[in-house]
């Protein structure tokens, strides 16, 4: 959509505009793939920026909104991966 409608020099952030922590994303992926093991945190390492939420106002003004929810996209991608890799079996 942007390739067809945007010709400005300034960058445009692409995202949903919703915040999600790395731990929340990790848990979501674990649910989708059926991982039931422990999630380990290495608290001796810095955890990066506290928020990773991009300002998507310019994108929304251009008329774009995500058409697929994050969970749905992860599920579809995992399904595709499992189907394209015969040695991998979906949970």
N, C-alpha and C. Protein backbone atom coordinates (compact mmCIF):
# COMPACT_ATOMS: atom_id res chain seq x y z
N UNK A 1 0.82 -1.18 0.00
CA UNK A 1 0.00 0.00 0.00
C UNK A 1 0.87 1.25 0.00
N UNK A 2 1.89 1.27 0.85
CA UNK A 2 2.77 2.43 0.91
C UNK A 2 3.55 2.62 -0.39
N UNK A 3 3.97 1.53 -1.01
CA UNK A 3 4.71 1.65 -2.26
C UNK A 3 3.87 2.34 -3.33
N UNK A 4 2.56 2.17 -3.24
CA UNK A 4 1.67 2.78 -4.22
C UNK A 4 1.24 4.19 -3.85
N UNK A 5 1.26 4.51 -2.54
CA UNK A 5 0.66 5.78 -2.12
C UNK A 5 1.60 6.77 -1.46
N UNK A 6 2.79 6.34 -1.06
CA UNK A 6 3.66 7.23 -0.29
C UNK A 6 4.94 7.51 -1.06
N UNK A 7 5.26 8.78 -1.19
CA UNK A 7 6.50 9.14 -1.89
C UNK A 7 7.33 10.13 -1.07
N UNK A 8 7.01 10.28 0.22
CA UNK A 8 7.74 11.20 1.07
C UNK A 8 9.14 10.71 1.38
N UNK A 9 9.96 11.62 1.89
CA UNK A 9 11.34 11.28 2.25
C UNK A 9 11.45 10.74 3.67
N UNK A 10 10.49 11.10 4.52
CA UNK A 10 10.54 10.66 5.92
C UNK A 10 10.14 9.19 6.04
N UNK A 11 10.76 8.47 6.98
CA UNK A 11 10.40 7.07 7.17
C UNK A 11 8.99 6.94 7.74
N UNK A 12 8.38 5.81 7.48
CA UNK A 12 7.05 5.49 8.02
C UNK A 12 7.19 4.22 8.84
N UNK A 13 6.81 4.29 10.11
CA UNK A 13 6.83 3.11 10.96
C UNK A 13 5.68 2.19 10.58
N UNK A 14 5.97 0.91 10.43
CA UNK A 14 4.94 -0.06 10.08
C UNK A 14 4.73 -0.97 11.29
N UNK A 15 3.52 -1.04 11.76
CA UNK A 15 3.18 -1.86 12.91
C UNK A 15 1.72 -1.72 13.24
N UNK A 16 1.30 -2.37 14.30
CA UNK A 16 -0.11 -2.35 14.69
C UNK A 16 -0.44 -1.17 15.60
N UNK A 17 0.59 -0.60 16.23
CA UNK A 17 0.34 0.47 17.19
C UNK A 17 0.01 -0.07 18.57
N UNK A 18 0.13 -1.38 18.76
CA UNK A 18 -0.13 -2.00 20.06
C UNK A 18 1.19 -2.43 20.66
N UNK A 19 1.33 -2.24 21.96
CA UNK A 19 2.55 -2.60 22.67
C UNK A 19 2.48 -4.05 23.13
N UNK A 20 3.59 -4.74 23.07
CA UNK A 20 3.68 -6.12 23.50
C UNK A 20 5.09 -6.34 24.02
N UNK A 21 5.20 -6.85 25.23
CA UNK A 21 6.53 -7.10 25.78
C UNK A 21 7.14 -8.34 25.12
N UNK A 22 8.45 -8.45 25.22
CA UNK A 22 9.14 -9.63 24.69
C UNK A 22 8.64 -10.89 25.39
N UNK A 23 8.40 -10.80 26.70
CA UNK A 23 7.88 -11.96 27.43
C UNK A 23 6.48 -12.33 26.94
N UNK A 24 5.63 -11.35 26.71
CA UNK A 24 4.28 -11.64 26.20
C UNK A 24 4.36 -12.30 24.82
N UNK A 25 5.25 -11.81 23.96
CA UNK A 25 5.43 -12.40 22.64
C UNK A 25 5.96 -13.83 22.77
N UNK A 26 6.90 -14.03 23.67
CA UNK A 26 7.45 -15.37 23.91
C UNK A 26 6.36 -16.33 24.33
N UNK A 27 5.52 -15.90 25.26
CA UNK A 27 4.42 -16.76 25.74
C UNK A 27 3.43 -17.07 24.62
N UNK A 28 3.14 -16.09 23.80
CA UNK A 28 2.23 -16.29 22.68
C UNK A 28 2.79 -17.33 21.70
N UNK A 29 4.06 -17.20 21.36
CA UNK A 29 4.69 -18.15 20.44
C UNK A 29 4.70 -19.55 21.06
N UNK A 30 4.99 -19.64 22.35
CA UNK A 30 4.97 -20.94 23.03
C UNK A 30 3.59 -21.59 22.93
N UNK A 31 2.54 -20.81 23.14
CA UNK A 31 1.17 -21.34 23.01
C UNK A 31 0.91 -21.85 21.61
N UNK A 32 1.29 -21.07 20.61
CA UNK A 32 1.01 -21.44 19.22
C UNK A 32 1.75 -22.72 18.82
N UNK A 33 3.01 -22.83 19.21
CA UNK A 33 3.80 -24.00 18.77
C UNK A 33 3.68 -25.18 19.73
N UNK A 34 3.00 -24.99 20.85
CA UNK A 34 2.80 -26.08 21.79
C UNK A 34 3.97 -26.34 22.72
N UNK A 35 4.84 -25.34 22.89
CA UNK A 35 5.98 -25.50 23.79
C UNK A 35 5.50 -25.37 25.23
N UNK A 36 5.82 -26.37 26.04
CA UNK A 36 5.36 -26.37 27.43
C UNK A 36 6.52 -26.31 28.43
N UNK A 37 7.72 -26.07 27.93
CA UNK A 37 8.90 -26.01 28.79
C UNK A 37 9.00 -24.67 29.51
N UNK A 38 10.05 -24.53 30.22
CA UNK A 38 10.29 -23.31 30.99
C UNK A 38 10.83 -22.21 30.08
N UNK A 39 10.53 -21.00 30.47
CA UNK A 39 11.09 -19.82 29.82
C UNK A 39 12.13 -19.28 30.80
N UNK A 40 13.35 -19.19 30.35
CA UNK A 40 14.42 -18.72 31.23
C UNK A 40 14.76 -17.27 30.93
N UNK A 41 14.98 -16.52 31.98
CA UNK A 41 15.37 -15.12 31.87
C UNK A 41 16.80 -14.98 32.36
N UNK A 42 17.63 -14.35 31.56
CA UNK A 42 19.00 -14.08 31.99
C UNK A 42 19.02 -12.64 32.50
N UNK A 43 18.77 -12.50 33.78
CA UNK A 43 18.66 -11.18 34.38
C UNK A 43 20.00 -10.46 34.51
N UNK A 44 21.09 -11.15 34.15
CA UNK A 44 22.40 -10.50 34.18
C UNK A 44 22.62 -9.65 32.93
N UNK A 45 21.76 -9.82 31.94
CA UNK A 45 21.88 -9.08 30.69
C UNK A 45 20.88 -7.92 30.66
N UNK A 46 21.25 -6.83 30.01
CA UNK A 46 20.29 -5.74 29.87
C UNK A 46 19.12 -6.20 29.01
N UNK A 47 17.93 -5.66 29.29
CA UNK A 47 16.75 -6.11 28.57
C UNK A 47 16.33 -5.16 27.45
N UNK A 48 17.18 -4.25 27.07
CA UNK A 48 16.86 -3.35 25.96
C UNK A 48 15.94 -2.22 26.38
N UNK A 49 15.38 -1.57 25.40
CA UNK A 49 14.49 -0.45 25.69
C UNK A 49 13.23 -0.95 26.39
N UNK A 50 12.74 -0.19 27.36
CA UNK A 50 11.56 -0.63 28.11
C UNK A 50 10.32 -0.79 27.22
N UNK A 51 10.19 0.05 26.21
CA UNK A 51 9.05 -0.04 25.30
C UNK A 51 9.56 -0.10 23.88
N UNK A 52 8.88 -0.87 23.08
CA UNK A 52 9.26 -1.03 21.68
C UNK A 52 8.11 -0.63 20.77
N UNK A 53 7.27 0.25 21.26
CA UNK A 53 6.08 0.68 20.54
C UNK A 53 6.43 1.81 19.58
N UNK A 54 6.12 1.62 18.31
CA UNK A 54 6.38 2.63 17.30
C UNK A 54 5.17 3.55 17.14
N UNK A 55 5.44 4.77 16.75
CA UNK A 55 4.37 5.72 16.43
C UNK A 55 3.91 5.42 15.00
N UNK A 56 2.70 4.92 14.86
CA UNK A 56 2.19 4.54 13.54
C UNK A 56 1.13 5.52 13.04
N UNK A 57 1.13 6.74 13.58
CA UNK A 57 0.13 7.73 13.20
C UNK A 57 0.18 8.05 11.70
N UNK A 58 1.39 8.18 11.16
CA UNK A 58 1.54 8.49 9.73
C UNK A 58 0.95 7.36 8.87
N UNK A 59 1.18 6.14 9.29
CA UNK A 59 0.66 4.98 8.58
C UNK A 59 -0.87 4.97 8.61
N UNK A 60 -1.43 5.25 9.78
CA UNK A 60 -2.90 5.27 9.92
C UNK A 60 -3.51 6.41 9.10
N UNK A 61 -2.83 7.56 9.09
CA UNK A 61 -3.33 8.68 8.28
C UNK A 61 -3.35 8.33 6.80
N UNK A 62 -2.44 7.45 6.40
CA UNK A 62 -2.40 7.02 5.00
C UNK A 62 -3.52 6.03 4.69
N UNK A 63 -4.23 5.58 5.73
CA UNK A 63 -5.37 4.70 5.53
C UNK A 63 -5.12 3.23 5.75
N UNK A 64 -3.95 2.88 6.30
CA UNK A 64 -3.63 1.47 6.51
C UNK A 64 -3.95 1.05 7.93
N UNK A 65 -4.44 -0.17 8.06
CA UNK A 65 -4.65 -0.80 9.37
C UNK A 65 -4.33 -2.28 9.20
N UNK A 66 -3.82 -2.92 10.23
CA UNK A 66 -3.50 -4.35 10.09
C UNK A 66 -4.77 -5.16 9.84
N UNK A 67 -4.68 -6.11 8.94
CA UNK A 67 -5.83 -6.95 8.62
C UNK A 67 -5.76 -8.32 9.26
N UNK A 68 -4.64 -8.62 9.91
CA UNK A 68 -4.45 -9.92 10.55
C UNK A 68 -3.94 -9.67 11.97
N UNK A 69 -4.58 -10.29 12.93
CA UNK A 69 -4.13 -10.17 14.32
C UNK A 69 -2.80 -10.90 14.49
N UNK A 70 -2.01 -10.48 15.46
CA UNK A 70 -0.69 -11.07 15.67
C UNK A 70 -0.76 -12.57 15.86
N UNK A 71 -1.65 -13.04 16.74
CA UNK A 71 -1.76 -14.48 16.99
C UNK A 71 -2.11 -15.22 15.70
N UNK A 72 -3.05 -14.69 14.95
CA UNK A 72 -3.46 -15.31 13.69
C UNK A 72 -2.29 -15.39 12.71
N UNK A 73 -1.50 -14.33 12.63
CA UNK A 73 -0.35 -14.32 11.75
C UNK A 73 0.72 -15.31 12.17
N UNK A 74 0.96 -15.42 13.46
CA UNK A 74 1.95 -16.38 13.97
C UNK A 74 1.46 -17.80 13.70
N UNK A 75 0.16 -18.05 13.94
CA UNK A 75 -0.40 -19.38 13.68
C UNK A 75 -0.27 -19.75 12.20
N UNK A 76 -0.61 -18.83 11.32
CA UNK A 76 -0.52 -19.10 9.88
C UNK A 76 0.92 -19.34 9.44
N UNK A 77 1.84 -18.54 9.98
CA UNK A 77 3.25 -18.70 9.64
C UNK A 77 3.78 -20.03 10.14
N UNK A 78 3.41 -20.42 11.35
CA UNK A 78 3.86 -21.69 11.90
C UNK A 78 3.28 -22.86 11.10
N UNK A 79 2.02 -22.77 10.73
CA UNK A 79 1.39 -23.80 9.90
C UNK A 79 2.14 -23.95 8.57
N UNK A 80 2.41 -22.81 7.93
CA UNK A 80 3.15 -22.83 6.66
C UNK A 80 4.52 -23.47 6.86
N UNK A 81 5.22 -23.09 7.92
CA UNK A 81 6.55 -23.64 8.19
C UNK A 81 6.47 -25.16 8.35
N UNK A 82 5.53 -25.64 9.13
CA UNK A 82 5.40 -27.08 9.37
C UNK A 82 5.06 -27.82 8.07
N UNK A 83 4.23 -27.23 7.25
CA UNK A 83 3.86 -27.86 5.98
C UNK A 83 5.03 -27.87 4.99
N UNK A 84 5.89 -26.88 5.06
CA UNK A 84 6.99 -26.79 4.10
C UNK A 84 8.24 -27.52 4.58
N UNK A 85 8.24 -27.96 5.82
CA UNK A 85 9.38 -28.68 6.39
C UNK A 85 8.87 -30.03 6.87
N UNK A 86 8.96 -31.08 6.04
CA UNK A 86 8.37 -32.37 6.41
C UNK A 86 8.90 -32.96 7.72
N UNK A 87 10.12 -32.59 8.10
CA UNK A 87 10.68 -33.13 9.33
C UNK A 87 10.14 -32.46 10.59
N UNK A 88 9.37 -31.37 10.43
CA UNK A 88 8.80 -30.65 11.56
C UNK A 88 7.33 -31.00 11.67
N UNK A 89 6.88 -31.30 12.87
CA UNK A 89 5.47 -31.63 13.07
C UNK A 89 4.86 -30.61 14.00
N UNK A 90 3.73 -30.08 13.61
CA UNK A 90 3.01 -29.09 14.42
C UNK A 90 2.50 -29.75 15.69
N UNK A 91 2.39 -28.93 16.74
CA UNK A 91 1.89 -29.42 18.02
C UNK A 91 0.41 -29.69 17.94
